[in-house]
Amino acid sequence: MYTFADYYNRGMTFLRNQAFPHHKRLSNLMIYATDLCDSACKHCLIWTKRPVVYLPKEKIFELVSNNKCITSQTTIGLEGGEFMLHPQALEILEWFTKHHPKFDLLSNCLKPAKLIEAVKKFPPKRLWISLDGDKESYLNMRGKDGYDNVLQVIRELKDVVPISVMFTLSPYNDFADMKHVAEVCKQNNVDMRVGIYNNIAFFDTIDQAHTTDIGTKKEEEALTLQATRKLKENASATSDSYEKKLEDITTKIPSIIKEFKENYDFMVLYNNWRQQKTQLRCFSIFDSIIVLPNGDVPICQNLDLKLGNIHTASLDAIINSAATVEQQKEHSRNCNKCWINYHRKYDVVLYKSFENFFGRGVTQKLFGYYQWDESTKTTYKEMFNS
């Protein structure tokens, strides 16, 4: 999926940001352009947010054009909610094709005709679409009958732009659903990305991630807006804690997943992480930034800690301030509280790459203490025979 140049450029950005923390450049910027969504997912409750908020196109254009931390090499993701529901979605896509063509588009595909037309007219570098199981599981987990829409988008756009199909493993689906999605991707020769359900602050999640076993809530009825309000009222605190002696899920991972790079290793390490065996510093927060529909800039995709707001300060000023630099250093060293694709896949690749080139000893001197499993000496190659 990613080339050597992609990893090289991000590695150079990492080194530059470590050397010049007050003059950072971004490898990735994710713009949540709206929280309006036409899904009714159990694993993400953005669709219940009221009132609906949009980040105006003018602010998006200003954000990309007027900040030095965003370069021509920065990949910008456009999502929501559902990005295509933004009233200025087509104007934003047209602007990006002309002024910053290195952008990705994320969609749930519930409006396939509009999405297909938009992608053909304003093609992103990559289209990311969601598929979390077979037709029945999709309806049960996401609350809408959109399975056939996703397949339609894959069929009509797989030869137009690169597609990555996102599968989120959660209490609301299982490994049989994962295998099904992998087979769909293999049949259509498209990429598959496996993610893990997390308690992301912006998503207003309810069920405790990492301690609620995979598939245990698969048969529960789809959610309604009224039902989610009651759930929120009765919800206990959902901190990203995890416990020892949890079920080992590695034996359940379908073998077909090994045919899609970075997924099998990511899940094995997730299994170790939630059993408190894997410990990695989070370096992605230095070069991967989120902007929410109201302009808030959180420290990462997982936490609710805000660094600033682009309506009151430039993104350059926000991410390069003394306060941000200290907060990023603190969380990089001491967090280890999530296993989110947007951050942790990068961290895994970073550690693995340095370890392969320089060995574990040098990597630990550069990045600080880390471990892949219960042994403090195990290398990545030893874990995966790679």
Protein backbone atom coordinates (compact mmCIF):
# COMPACT_ATOMS: atom_id res chain seq x y z
CA MET A 1 0.00 0.00 0.00
CA TYR A 2 2.67 2.49 1.02
CA THR A 3 5.95 2.88 -0.86
CA PHE A 4 9.49 3.19 0.46
CA ALA A 5 9.28 6.91 -0.38
CA ASP A 6 6.27 7.30 1.93
CA TYR A 7 8.13 5.76 4.86
CA TYR A 8 11.33 7.66 4.04
CA ASN A 9 9.56 11.05 3.89
CA ARG A 10 7.78 10.42 7.16
CA GLY A 11 11.00 9.27 8.78
CA MET A 12 12.72 12.49 7.70
CA THR A 13 9.80 14.52 9.06
CA PHE A 14 10.10 12.67 12.37
CA LEU A 15 13.79 13.45 12.68
CA ARG A 16 13.26 17.09 11.71
CA ASN A 17 10.46 17.53 14.26
CA GLN A 18 12.59 16.02 17.02
CA ALA A 19 15.39 18.44 16.15
CA PHE A 20 13.13 21.51 15.73
CA PRO A 21 10.06 20.96 17.97
CA HIS A 22 8.95 24.58 17.64
CA HIS A 23 9.02 24.46 13.83
CA LYS A 24 7.23 21.20 13.12
CA ARG A 25 5.99 19.92 9.79
CA LEU A 26 3.03 17.57 9.44
CA SER A 27 2.96 14.23 7.69
CA ASN A 28 -0.79 13.91 8.20
CA LEU A 29 -3.66 16.26 8.89
CA MET A 30 -7.16 14.87 9.44
CA ILE A 31 -9.95 17.41 8.95
CA TYR A 32 -13.30 16.43 10.44
CA ALA A 33 -15.27 18.82 8.26
CA THR A 34 -18.63 18.05 9.90
CA ASP A 35 -20.13 15.86 12.60
CA LEU A 36 -23.26 15.28 10.51
CA CYS A 37 -23.58 11.57 9.67
CA ASP A 38 -26.27 9.39 8.08
CA SER A 39 -25.07 6.16 9.71
CA ALA A 40 -26.28 4.97 13.10
CA CYS A 41 -23.18 3.09 14.26
CA LYS A 42 -22.85 1.41 17.64
CA HIS A 43 -19.09 1.95 17.73
CA CYS A 44 -19.25 5.67 16.94
CA LEU A 45 -21.99 8.05 18.07
CA ILE A 46 -21.03 11.11 16.02
CA TRP A 47 -24.42 10.75 14.32
CA THR A 48 -26.15 11.69 17.61
CA LYS A 49 -24.41 15.04 18.03
CA ARG A 50 -26.66 18.10 18.07
CA PRO A 51 -26.54 20.79 16.90
CA VAL A 52 -24.69 19.80 13.75
CA VAL A 53 -21.40 21.66 13.19
CA TYR A 54 -19.63 22.38 9.89
CA LEU A 55 -16.11 23.69 9.35
CA PRO A 56 -16.65 26.31 6.61
CA LYS A 57 -14.82 25.85 3.33
CA GLU A 58 -13.13 29.24 3.70
CA LYS A 59 -11.61 28.15 7.01
CA ILE A 60 -10.43 24.87 5.49
CA PHE A 61 -8.79 26.69 2.57
CA GLU A 62 -7.15 29.18 4.94
CA LEU A 63 -5.93 26.34 7.17
CA VAL A 64 -4.19 24.55 4.31
CA SER A 65 -2.84 27.65 2.55
CA ASN A 66 -1.58 29.76 5.44
CA ASN A 67 0.30 27.36 7.72
CA LYS A 68 3.94 26.45 7.16
CA CYS A 69 3.52 23.14 9.01
CA ILE A 70 1.41 21.93 6.06
CA THR A 71 3.62 21.23 3.06
CA SER A 72 3.06 19.64 -0.34
CA GLN A 73 4.09 16.33 1.29
CA THR A 74 1.38 16.51 3.97
CA THR A 75 -1.42 14.02 3.40
CA ILE A 76 -4.75 15.62 4.30
CA GLY A 77 -7.76 13.46 5.12
CA LEU A 78 -11.29 14.76 4.60
CA GLU A 79 -13.92 13.09 6.74
CA GLY A 80 -16.81 13.61 9.16
CA GLY A 81 -19.31 12.40 10.27
CA GLU A 82 -19.85 11.83 6.60
CA PHE A 83 -17.82 14.33 4.58
CA MET A 84 -20.12 14.13 1.56
CA LEU A 85 -22.95 15.59 3.70
CA HIS A 86 -21.03 18.85 4.11
CA PRO A 87 -23.04 21.44 2.12
CA GLN A 88 -19.80 22.63 0.46
CA ALA A 89 -18.30 19.15 -0.08
CA LEU A 90 -17.92 19.41 -3.86
CA GLU A 91 -16.41 22.90 -3.69
CA ILE A 92 -13.91 21.67 -1.11
CA LEU A 93 -12.96 18.65 -3.22
CA GLU A 94 -12.52 20.83 -6.30
CA TRP A 95 -10.25 23.21 -4.37
CA PHE A 96 -8.09 20.35 -3.10
CA THR A 97 -7.61 18.85 -6.56
CA LYS A 98 -6.20 22.21 -7.69
CA HIS A 99 -4.32 23.43 -4.62
CA HIS A 100 -3.40 20.36 -2.53
CA PRO A 101 -3.86 17.17 -4.56
CA LYS A 102 -2.31 14.98 -1.86
CA PHE A 103 -5.59 14.38 -0.04
CA ASP A 104 -7.60 11.34 1.00
CA LEU A 105 -11.38 11.07 1.15
CA LEU A 106 -13.20 8.99 3.77
CA SER A 107 -16.82 7.90 3.29
CA ASN A 108 -19.46 5.45 4.52
CA CYS A 109 -20.81 5.11 0.94
CA LEU A 110 -24.46 5.51 1.98
CA LYS A 111 -24.92 7.91 -0.94
CA PRO A 112 -23.04 5.92 -3.57
CA ALA A 113 -24.09 7.83 -6.69
CA LYS A 114 -23.00 11.19 -5.25
CA LEU A 115 -19.71 9.72 -4.00
CA ILE A 116 -18.88 7.96 -7.26
CA GLU A 117 -19.56 11.09 -9.30
CA ALA A 118 -17.49 13.25 -6.95
CA VAL A 119 -14.50 10.88 -6.94
CA LYS A 120 -14.46 10.61 -10.72
CA LYS A 121 -14.58 14.38 -11.06
CA PHE A 122 -12.24 15.25 -8.16
CA PRO A 123 -10.13 12.13 -7.52
CA PRO A 124 -8.35 11.86 -4.15
CA LYS A 125 -5.02 10.07 -3.72
CA ARG A 126 -6.87 7.35 -1.84
CA LEU A 127 -10.49 6.59 -1.01
CA TRP A 128 -11.14 5.08 2.42
CA ILE A 129 -14.48 3.34 2.87
CA SER A 130 -16.01 1.44 5.80
CA LEU A 131 -17.13 -2.20 5.77
CA ASP A 132 -17.49 -4.01 9.08
CA GLY A 133 -18.93 -7.39 8.12
CA ASP A 134 -21.39 -9.18 5.90
CA LYS A 135 -24.79 -7.75 4.99
CA GLU A 136 -26.45 -8.76 8.25
CA SER A 137 -23.57 -7.65 10.46
CA TYR A 138 -23.30 -4.35 8.61
CA LEU A 139 -26.94 -3.55 9.30
CA ASN A 140 -26.67 -4.62 12.91
CA MET A 141 -23.48 -2.70 13.67
CA ARG A 142 -23.94 0.42 11.56
CA GLY A 143 -27.72 0.76 11.79
CA LYS A 144 -28.29 1.26 8.05
CA ASP A 145 -28.60 -1.19 5.16
CA GLY A 146 -25.53 0.06 3.32
CA TYR A 147 -23.66 -3.16 2.49
CA ASP A 148 -24.64 -3.20 -1.20
CA ASN A 149 -23.77 0.48 -1.52
CA VAL A 150 -20.22 -0.23 -0.36
CA LEU A 151 -19.84 -3.05 -2.88
CA GLN A 152 -21.17 -0.79 -5.62
CA VAL A 153 -18.56 1.87 -4.78
CA ILE A 154 -15.78 -0.73 -4.78
CA ARG A 155 -16.81 -2.12 -8.16
CA GLU A 156 -17.17 1.27 -9.84
CA LEU A 157 -14.13 3.04 -8.38
CA LYS A 158 -11.48 0.35 -7.83
CA ASP A 159 -9.96 1.10 -11.24
CA VAL A 160 -10.32 4.87 -10.80
CA VAL A 161 -8.51 5.52 -7.48
CA PRO A 162 -6.72 3.35 -4.90
CA ILE A 163 -9.23 2.11 -2.33
CA SER A 164 -8.65 1.04 1.27
CA VAL A 165 -11.53 -0.79 2.95
CA MET A 166 -11.59 -0.07 6.68
CA PHE A 167 -12.76 -2.84 9.02
CA THR A 168 -13.20 -2.02 12.71
CA LEU A 169 -12.97 -5.03 15.04
CA SER A 170 -15.31 -4.45 17.96
CA PRO A 171 -17.78 -5.96 20.43
CA TYR A 172 -20.41 -5.55 17.69
CA ASN A 173 -18.84 -7.85 15.06
CA ASP A 174 -16.36 -10.72 15.09
CA PHE A 175 -13.56 -12.53 13.29
CA ALA A 176 -15.98 -14.18 10.87
CA ASP A 177 -16.92 -10.68 9.72
CA MET A 178 -13.25 -9.81 9.40
CA LYS A 179 -12.69 -12.86 7.18
CA HIS A 180 -15.69 -11.92 5.04
CA VAL A 181 -14.41 -8.40 4.44
CA ALA A 182 -10.94 -9.72 3.65
CA GLU A 183 -12.43 -12.05 1.04
CA VAL A 184 -14.37 -9.15 -0.51
CA CYS A 185 -11.16 -7.12 -0.71
CA LYS A 186 -9.20 -10.00 -2.20
CA GLN A 187 -11.88 -10.69 -4.82
CA ASN A 188 -11.82 -7.03 -5.85
CA ASN A 189 -8.06 -6.57 -5.50
CA VAL A 190 -8.32 -3.66 -3.07
CA ASP A 191 -6.46 -2.91 0.15
CA MET A 192 -7.85 -3.75 3.60
CA ARG A 193 -7.06 -1.91 6.83
CA VAL A 194 -8.01 -3.43 10.20
CA GLY A 195 -8.72 -1.08 13.08
CA ILE A 196 -9.70 -1.66 16.71
CA TYR A 197 -12.66 -0.15 18.54
CA ASN A 198 -11.41 2.54 20.96
CA ASN A 199 -13.05 5.00 23.32
CA ILE A 200 -12.35 8.07 21.18
CA ALA A 201 -13.46 11.28 22.87
CA PHE A 202 -14.98 12.90 19.77
CA PHE A 203 -16.94 9.73 18.92
CA ASP A 204 -18.92 9.76 22.23
CA THR A 205 -18.46 6.00 22.59
CA ILE A 206 -20.36 4.14 25.32
CA ASP A 207 -19.10 0.57 25.70
CA GLN A 208 -15.70 0.16 27.32
CA ALA A 209 -13.07 -0.62 24.72
CA HIS A 210 -10.46 -3.37 25.20
CA THR A 211 -12.25 -5.02 28.15
CA THR A 212 -15.52 -5.71 26.31
CA ASP A 213 -14.76 -8.91 24.41
CA ILE A 214 -14.94 -9.08 20.63
CA GLY A 215 -18.36 -10.07 19.32
CA THR A 216 -20.15 -10.11 22.67
CA LYS A 217 -22.65 -7.43 21.59
CA LYS A 218 -23.06 -8.55 18.00
CA GLU A 219 -26.66 -9.70 18.41
CA GLU A 220 -27.96 -6.59 20.16
CA GLU A 221 -30.54 -4.51 18.31
CA ALA A 222 -29.54 -1.52 16.22
CA LEU A 223 -29.47 1.83 18.04
CA THR A 224 -31.96 4.66 17.72
CA LEU A 225 -31.31 8.30 18.58
CA GLN A 226 -33.62 8.01 21.60
CA ALA A 227 -31.83 4.87 22.80
CA THR A 228 -28.41 6.54 22.60
CA ARG A 229 -29.61 9.42 24.74
CA LYS A 230 -30.61 6.99 27.47
CA LEU A 231 -27.30 5.17 27.14
CA LYS A 232 -25.37 8.43 27.49
CA GLU A 233 -27.37 9.38 30.56
CA ASN A 234 -26.60 6.05 32.22
CA ALA A 235 -23.06 5.64 30.95
CA SER A 236 -20.26 5.24 33.45
CA ALA A 237 -16.86 6.75 32.83
CA THR A 238 -15.18 5.06 29.86
CA SER A 239 -11.49 5.61 30.45
CA ASP A 240 -9.07 3.71 28.22
CA SER A 241 -7.98 1.28 30.91
CA TYR A 242 -7.28 -2.38 30.27
CA GLU A 243 -6.73 -5.47 32.36
CA LYS A 244 -4.44 -8.46 32.58
CA LYS A 245 -5.52 -12.03 31.81
CA LEU A 246 -7.82 -11.08 28.95
CA GLU A 247 -8.66 -13.62 26.28
CA ASP A 248 -5.88 -14.29 23.76
CA ILE A 249 -7.38 -13.33 20.39
CA THR A 250 -4.39 -14.17 18.21
CA THR A 251 -5.60 -17.71 17.46
CA LYS A 252 -8.84 -16.28 16.08
CA ILE A 253 -7.26 -14.00 13.48
CA PRO A 254 -8.16 -15.39 10.01
CA SER A 255 -5.11 -16.49 8.04
CA ILE A 256 -6.25 -14.44 5.02
CA ILE A 257 -5.39 -11.28 7.01
CA LYS A 258 -1.71 -12.05 6.50
CA GLU A 259 -2.22 -11.26 2.80
CA PHE A 260 -2.82 -7.59 3.70
CA LYS A 261 0.26 -5.80 5.02
CA GLU A 262 0.47 -4.35 8.55
CA ASN A 263 -2.80 -5.87 9.81
CA TYR A 264 -1.82 -9.22 11.33
CA ASP A 265 1.15 -7.79 13.22
CA PHE A 266 -0.99 -4.87 14.39
CA MET A 267 -3.58 -7.22 15.93
CA VAL A 268 -1.02 -9.49 17.59
CA LEU A 269 0.55 -6.44 19.19
CA TYR A 270 -2.90 -5.19 20.17
CA ASN A 271 -3.48 -8.47 21.98
CA ASN A 272 -0.17 -7.98 23.82
CA TRP A 273 -0.89 -4.32 24.51
CA ARG A 274 -4.25 -4.90 26.17
CA GLN A 275 -2.58 -7.53 28.37
CA GLN A 276 0.01 -4.90 29.35
CA LYS A 277 2.85 -6.62 27.50
CA THR A 278 3.46 -4.12 24.68
CA GLN A 279 4.74 -0.67 25.54
CA LEU A 280 5.65 1.90 22.89
CA ARG A 281 6.07 5.64 23.11
CA CYS A 282 3.66 7.58 20.93
CA PHE A 283 5.65 9.56 18.35
CA SER A 284 2.88 10.04 15.79
CA ILE A 285 1.35 12.90 17.81
CA PHE A 286 4.25 15.11 16.72
CA ASP A 287 3.40 14.92 13.00
CA SER A 288 -0.25 13.75 12.84
CA ILE A 289 -2.82 16.36 13.82
CA ILE A 290 -6.63 16.42 14.02
CA VAL A 291 -8.93 19.39 13.43
CA LEU A 292 -12.54 19.00 14.61
CA PRO A 293 -15.63 20.64 13.04
CA ASN A 294 -15.67 23.43 15.64
CA GLY A 295 -11.99 24.19 14.99
CA ASP A 296 -10.60 22.47 18.09
CA VAL A 297 -7.20 20.80 17.76
CA PRO A 298 -6.85 17.86 20.21
CA ILE A 299 -3.48 16.39 21.10
CA CYS A 300 -4.45 13.14 19.35
CA GLN A 301 -7.41 11.25 17.97
CA ASN A 302 -8.03 9.46 21.25
CA LEU A 303 -7.92 12.09 23.99
CA ASP A 304 -10.06 15.13 24.71
CA LEU A 305 -7.09 17.35 25.61
CA LYS A 306 -7.27 20.45 23.38
CA LEU A 307 -4.14 22.24 22.20
CA GLY A 308 -6.05 25.19 20.76
CA ASN A 309 -8.62 26.26 18.20
CA ILE A 310 -7.95 27.40 14.62
CA HIS A 311 -10.62 30.11 14.92
CA THR A 312 -8.50 31.91 17.52
CA ALA A 313 -4.94 30.98 16.49
CA SER A 314 -3.11 29.61 13.48
CA LEU A 315 -2.30 25.91 13.36
CA ASP A 316 1.39 26.85 13.26
CA ALA A 317 1.02 28.79 16.51
CA ILE A 318 -0.98 26.00 18.14
CA ILE A 319 1.30 23.05 17.43
CA ASN A 320 4.58 24.94 17.90
CA SER A 321 3.76 26.74 21.16
CA ALA A 322 5.80 26.03 24.27
CA ALA A 323 2.72 24.59 25.99
CA THR A 324 2.03 22.16 23.11
CA VAL A 325 5.65 21.04 22.90
CA GLU A 326 5.64 20.18 26.62
CA GLN A 327 2.27 18.40 26.43
CA GLN A 328 3.38 16.36 23.44
CA LYS A 329 6.61 15.34 25.19
CA GLU A 330 4.70 14.35 28.32
CA HIS A 331 2.14 12.23 26.48
CA SER A 332 4.69 10.71 24.15
CA ARG A 333 6.66 9.41 27.12
CA ASN A 334 3.85 8.36 29.45
CA CYS A 335 0.56 7.70 27.65
CA ASN A 336 0.35 4.24 25.96
CA LYS A 337 -3.46 4.45 26.42
CA CYS A 338 -4.80 3.55 22.98
CA TRP A 339 -4.37 1.27 20.01
CA ILE A 340 -5.72 3.54 17.27
CA ASN A 341 -4.71 3.06 13.63
CA TYR A 342 -4.05 6.74 13.02
CA HIS A 343 -1.33 6.78 15.65
CA ARG A 344 -0.20 3.29 16.58
CA LYS A 345 0.42 1.81 13.13
CA TYR A 346 2.93 4.57 12.54
CA ASP A 347 4.62 3.95 15.89
CA VAL A 348 4.91 0.23 15.15
CA VAL A 349 6.48 0.90 11.74
CA LEU A 350 8.85 3.49 13.23
CA TYR A 351 10.17 1.18 15.93
CA LYS A 352 10.31 -1.82 13.59
CA SER A 353 12.22 0.10 10.92
CA PHE A 354 14.83 1.50 13.30
CA GLU A 355 15.23 -1.86 15.02
CA ASN A 356 15.79 -3.61 11.67
CA PHE A 357 18.49 -1.12 10.67
CA PHE A 358 20.20 -0.31 13.97
CA GLY A 359 19.24 -3.09 16.40
CA ARG A 360 17.25 -3.02 19.61
CA GLY A 361 19.97 -1.40 21.75
CA VAL A 362 20.42 1.65 19.54
CA THR A 363 16.66 2.00 19.00
CA GLN A 364 16.07 2.03 22.76
CA LYS A 365 18.73 4.70 23.24
CA LEU A 366 17.07 6.83 20.56
CA PHE A 367 13.41 6.33 21.56
CA GLY A 368 13.54 5.30 25.21
CA TYR A 369 12.37 2.09 26.86
CA TYR A 370 9.96 -0.13 24.88
CA GLN A 371 8.90 -3.75 24.61
CA TRP A 372 6.90 -5.88 22.16
CA ASP A 373 5.84 -8.64 24.57
CA GLU A 374 6.40 -9.84 28.14
CA SER A 375 10.15 -10.15 27.55
CA THR A 376 12.08 -6.89 27.55
CA LYS A 377 14.58 -8.32 25.07
CA THR A 378 12.34 -9.69 22.30
CA THR A 379 12.83 -8.04 18.91
CA TYR A 380 10.18 -7.50 16.27
CA LYS A 381 11.89 -10.03 13.98
CA GLU A 382 11.85 -12.63 16.71
CA MET A 383 8.14 -12.10 17.29
CA PHE A 384 7.11 -12.39 13.65
CA ASN A 385 10.04 -14.20 12.04
CA SER A 386 10.31 -11.37 9.54
